[in-house]
C-alpha atoms as a PDB file:
ATOM      1  CA  MET A   1      59.266 -31.633   5.610  1.00  0.00           C
ATOM      2  CA  GLN A   2      56.113 -32.984   7.223  1.00  0.00           C
ATOM      3  CA  ILE A   3      55.028 -32.422  10.809  1.00  0.00           C
ATOM      4  CA  PHE A   4      53.201 -35.119  12.748  1.00  0.00           C
ATOM      5  CA  VAL A   5      51.691 -35.046  16.226  1.00  0.00           C
ATOM      6  CA  ASP A   6      52.604 -38.137  18.252  1.00  0.00           C
ATOM      7  CA  THR A   7      49.594 -38.633  20.537  1.00  0.00           C
ATOM      8  CA  ALA A   8      46.298 -40.440  20.999  1.00  0.00           C
ATOM      9  CA  ASP A   9      44.769 -37.593  23.016  1.00  0.00           C
ATOM     10  CA  LEU A  10      41.898 -36.083  21.033  1.00  0.00           C
ATOM     11  CA  ASP A  11      42.251 -32.707  22.763  1.00  0.00           C
ATOM     12  CA  GLU A  12      45.902 -32.523  21.734  1.00  0.00           C
ATOM     13  CA  ILE A  13      45.041 -33.517  18.164  1.00  0.00           C
ATOM     14  CA  LYS A  14      42.321 -30.860  17.941  1.00  0.00           C
ATOM     15  CA  GLU A  15      44.682 -28.197  19.294  1.00  0.00           C
ATOM     16  CA  ALA A  16      47.444 -29.172  16.867  1.00  0.00           C
ATOM     17  CA  LYS A  17      44.980 -29.075  13.974  1.00  0.00           C
ATOM     18  CA  LYS A  18      44.262 -25.426  14.808  1.00  0.00           C
ATOM     19  CA  TRP A  19      47.934 -24.614  14.170  1.00  0.00           C
ATOM     20  CA  GLY A  20      47.403 -25.397  10.488  1.00  0.00           C
ATOM     21  CA  ILE A  21      50.852 -26.945  10.045  1.00  0.00           C
ATOM     22  CA  VAL A  22      50.261 -30.551  11.092  1.00  0.00           C
ATOM     23  CA  ASP A  23      50.254 -33.177   8.349  1.00  0.00           C
ATOM     24  CA  GLY A  24      49.051 -36.103  10.419  1.00  0.00           C
ATOM     25  CA  VAL A  25      49.019 -38.058  13.651  1.00  0.00           C
ATOM     26  CA  THR A  26      51.072 -41.002  14.814  1.00  0.00           C
ATOM     27  CA  THR A  27      50.414 -43.072  17.909  1.00  0.00           C
ATOM     28  CA  ASN A  28      51.353 -46.272  19.653  1.00  0.00           C
ATOM     29  CA  PRO A  29      49.820 -48.588  22.272  1.00  0.00           C
ATOM     30  CA  SER A  30      51.352 -46.767  25.248  1.00  0.00           C
ATOM     31  CA  LEU A  31      49.956 -43.420  24.070  1.00  0.00           C
ATOM     32  CA  ILE A  32      46.531 -44.980  23.530  1.00  0.00           C
ATOM     33  CA  LYS A  33      46.631 -46.382  27.078  1.00  0.00           C
ATOM     34  CA  LYS A  34      47.407 -42.901  28.452  1.00  0.00           C
ATOM     35  CA  ALA A  35      44.538 -41.387  26.455  1.00  0.00           C
ATOM     36  CA  VAL A  36      42.096 -44.029  27.719  1.00  0.00           C
ATOM     37  CA  GLU A  37      43.182 -43.402  31.313  1.00  0.00           C
ATOM     38  CA  LYS A  38      42.613 -39.669  30.791  1.00  0.00           C
ATOM     39  CA  LEU A  39      39.109 -40.349  29.437  1.00  0.00           C
ATOM     40  CA  LYS A  40      38.301 -42.577  32.412  1.00  0.00           C
ATOM     41  CA  SER A  41      39.370 -39.897  34.883  1.00  0.00           C
ATOM     42  CA  ARG A  42      37.278 -37.311  33.032  1.00  0.00           C
ATOM     43  CA  GLY A  43      34.300 -39.646  33.227  1.00  0.00           C
ATOM     44  CA  MET A  44      34.722 -39.888  36.975  1.00  0.00           C
ATOM     45  CA  GLU A  45      34.762 -36.084  37.214  1.00  0.00           C
ATOM     46  CA  ILE A  46      31.426 -35.877  35.394  1.00  0.00           C
END
């Protein structure tokens, strides 16, 4: 069995990689849109 993380959020991918059990990442346009919105809000905080 393989385990994939379904996200476009780099923080989530980095965290999952630490677990040592993730085989890869899947994503889709709606997840990418969410990740971009998160990055924009972080930029405004800075």
